[in-house]
């Protein structure tokens, strides 16, 4: 079964950025998140969508 969400640190590793940047982008509304108990997670569909976009 495919993973439905990724933690903030996992998302940061996928995009080769710091977790602090992912947290800031999520806070600013640039990255969708879901609350998992008291932790934030990034939906896998969003990560797949961003990885499929052509690089600029």
N, C-alpha and C. Protein backbone atom coordinates (compact mmCIF):
# COMPACT_ATOMS: atom_id res chain seq x y z
N UNK A 1 0.84 -1.18 0.00
CA UNK A 1 0.00 0.00 0.00
C UNK A 1 0.89 1.25 0.00
N UNK A 2 0.47 2.23 -0.73
CA UNK A 2 1.22 3.47 -0.86
C UNK A 2 1.00 4.36 0.36
N UNK A 3 2.03 5.09 0.71
CA UNK A 3 1.98 6.01 1.84
C UNK A 3 1.03 7.16 1.52
N UNK A 4 0.13 7.52 2.45
CA UNK A 4 -0.85 8.57 2.21
C UNK A 4 -0.34 9.96 2.59
N UNK A 5 0.55 10.01 3.57
CA UNK A 5 1.11 11.29 4.01
C UNK A 5 2.59 11.12 4.32
N UNK A 6 3.27 12.25 4.37
CA UNK A 6 4.69 12.28 4.73
C UNK A 6 4.87 13.30 5.85
N UNK A 7 5.76 13.00 6.76
CA UNK A 7 6.06 13.95 7.82
C UNK A 7 6.79 15.16 7.24
N UNK A 8 6.88 16.20 8.01
CA UNK A 8 7.60 17.39 7.56
C UNK A 8 9.07 17.05 7.28
N UNK A 9 9.77 16.34 8.18
CA UNK A 9 11.16 15.97 7.88
C UNK A 9 11.30 15.09 6.63
N UNK A 10 10.37 14.17 6.41
CA UNK A 10 10.41 13.34 5.20
C UNK A 10 10.22 14.20 3.95
N UNK A 11 9.29 15.14 4.02
CA UNK A 11 9.04 16.04 2.89
C UNK A 11 10.28 16.88 2.60
N UNK A 12 10.91 17.37 3.65
CA UNK A 12 12.13 18.17 3.47
C UNK A 12 13.22 17.36 2.78
N UNK A 13 13.36 16.11 3.17
CA UNK A 13 14.38 15.26 2.56
C UNK A 13 14.08 15.01 1.09
N UNK A 14 12.81 14.79 0.75
CA UNK A 14 12.42 14.55 -0.64
C UNK A 14 12.79 15.74 -1.52
N UNK A 15 12.59 16.96 -1.01
CA UNK A 15 12.85 18.17 -1.80
C UNK A 15 14.22 18.79 -1.54
N UNK A 16 15.03 18.13 -0.73
CA UNK A 16 16.39 18.59 -0.40
C UNK A 16 16.40 20.01 0.16
N UNK A 17 15.52 20.25 1.12
CA UNK A 17 15.47 21.53 1.82
C UNK A 17 15.41 21.24 3.32
N UNK A 18 15.42 22.29 4.13
CA UNK A 18 15.36 22.10 5.57
C UNK A 18 13.92 21.91 6.04
N UNK A 19 13.73 21.19 7.13
CA UNK A 19 12.38 21.09 7.68
C UNK A 19 11.80 22.46 8.05
N UNK A 20 12.66 23.38 8.48
CA UNK A 20 12.18 24.73 8.83
C UNK A 20 11.51 25.40 7.64
N UNK A 21 12.05 25.21 6.44
CA UNK A 21 11.45 25.80 5.24
C UNK A 21 10.09 25.17 4.96
N UNK A 22 9.98 23.87 5.11
CA UNK A 22 8.70 23.20 4.89
C UNK A 22 7.67 23.69 5.91
N UNK A 23 8.06 23.80 7.18
CA UNK A 23 7.15 24.32 8.21
C UNK A 23 6.68 25.73 7.85
N UNK A 24 7.60 26.58 7.40
CA UNK A 24 7.25 27.97 7.06
C UNK A 24 6.29 27.99 5.87
N UNK A 25 6.59 27.20 4.85
CA UNK A 25 5.72 27.17 3.67
C UNK A 25 4.33 26.64 4.03
N UNK A 26 4.27 25.66 4.94
CA UNK A 26 2.98 25.14 5.39
C UNK A 26 2.23 26.21 6.17
N UNK A 27 2.93 26.92 7.03
CA UNK A 27 2.30 27.99 7.81
C UNK A 27 1.77 29.09 6.91
N UNK A 28 2.51 29.39 5.85
CA UNK A 28 2.11 30.43 4.90
C UNK A 28 1.03 29.96 3.92
N UNK A 29 0.64 28.68 3.99
CA UNK A 29 -0.40 28.16 3.12
C UNK A 29 0.07 27.71 1.75
N UNK A 30 1.38 27.62 1.56
CA UNK A 30 1.93 27.21 0.26
C UNK A 30 2.01 25.69 0.12
N UNK A 31 1.95 24.99 1.22
CA UNK A 31 1.95 23.52 1.23
C UNK A 31 0.76 23.07 2.05
N UNK A 32 -0.09 22.20 1.51
CA UNK A 32 -1.22 21.71 2.29
C UNK A 32 -0.74 20.72 3.35
N UNK A 33 -1.36 20.77 4.51
CA UNK A 33 -1.03 19.81 5.57
C UNK A 33 -2.31 19.28 6.18
N UNK A 34 -2.18 18.13 6.80
CA UNK A 34 -3.26 17.55 7.59
C UNK A 34 -2.71 17.33 8.99
N UNK A 35 -3.57 17.46 9.97
CA UNK A 35 -3.16 17.23 11.35
C UNK A 35 -3.32 15.76 11.70
N UNK A 36 -2.23 15.18 12.17
CA UNK A 36 -2.23 13.78 12.60
C UNK A 36 -1.92 13.81 14.09
N UNK A 37 -2.97 13.75 14.90
CA UNK A 37 -2.85 13.98 16.33
C UNK A 37 -2.32 15.39 16.53
N UNK A 38 -1.11 15.55 17.03
CA UNK A 38 -0.57 16.90 17.22
C UNK A 38 0.54 17.20 16.21
N UNK A 39 0.70 16.35 15.22
CA UNK A 39 1.75 16.54 14.22
C UNK A 39 1.13 16.91 12.88
N UNK A 40 1.89 17.64 12.09
CA UNK A 40 1.44 17.98 10.74
C UNK A 40 2.05 17.00 9.76
N UNK A 41 1.29 16.68 8.73
CA UNK A 41 1.76 15.79 7.68
C UNK A 41 1.36 16.38 6.33
N UNK A 42 2.17 16.08 5.32
CA UNK A 42 1.92 16.57 3.97
C UNK A 42 1.29 15.44 3.16
N UNK A 43 0.18 15.70 2.47
CA UNK A 43 -0.46 14.65 1.67
C UNK A 43 0.47 14.17 0.55
N UNK A 44 0.49 12.87 0.34
CA UNK A 44 1.34 12.28 -0.70
C UNK A 44 0.94 12.76 -2.09
N UNK A 45 -0.36 13.01 -2.32
CA UNK A 45 -0.80 13.48 -3.64
C UNK A 45 -0.13 14.79 -3.99
N UNK A 46 0.07 15.68 -3.01
CA UNK A 46 0.70 16.97 -3.29
C UNK A 46 2.17 16.78 -3.66
N UNK A 47 2.86 15.89 -2.94
CA UNK A 47 4.27 15.64 -3.24
C UNK A 47 4.41 15.04 -4.63
N UNK A 48 3.57 14.05 -4.97
CA UNK A 48 3.61 13.45 -6.31
C UNK A 48 3.36 14.50 -7.39
N UNK A 49 2.41 15.39 -7.15
CA UNK A 49 2.07 16.45 -8.11
C UNK A 49 3.27 17.38 -8.31
N UNK A 50 3.92 17.78 -7.23
CA UNK A 50 5.06 18.69 -7.34
C UNK A 50 6.25 18.03 -8.01
N UNK A 51 6.47 16.75 -7.75
CA UNK A 51 7.58 16.04 -8.37
C UNK A 51 7.36 15.84 -9.87
N UNK A 52 6.08 15.80 -10.27
CA UNK A 52 5.76 15.59 -11.68
C UNK A 52 5.83 16.88 -12.50
N UNK A 53 5.81 18.04 -11.83
CA UNK A 53 5.87 19.31 -12.55
C UNK A 53 7.25 19.50 -13.17
N UNK A 54 7.29 20.11 -14.36
CA UNK A 54 8.59 20.37 -14.98
C UNK A 54 9.39 21.36 -14.13
N UNK A 55 10.70 21.16 -14.08
CA UNK A 55 11.57 22.06 -13.32
C UNK A 55 11.69 23.39 -14.06
N UNK A 56 11.79 24.44 -13.30
CA UNK A 56 11.93 25.78 -13.90
C UNK A 56 13.35 26.22 -13.89
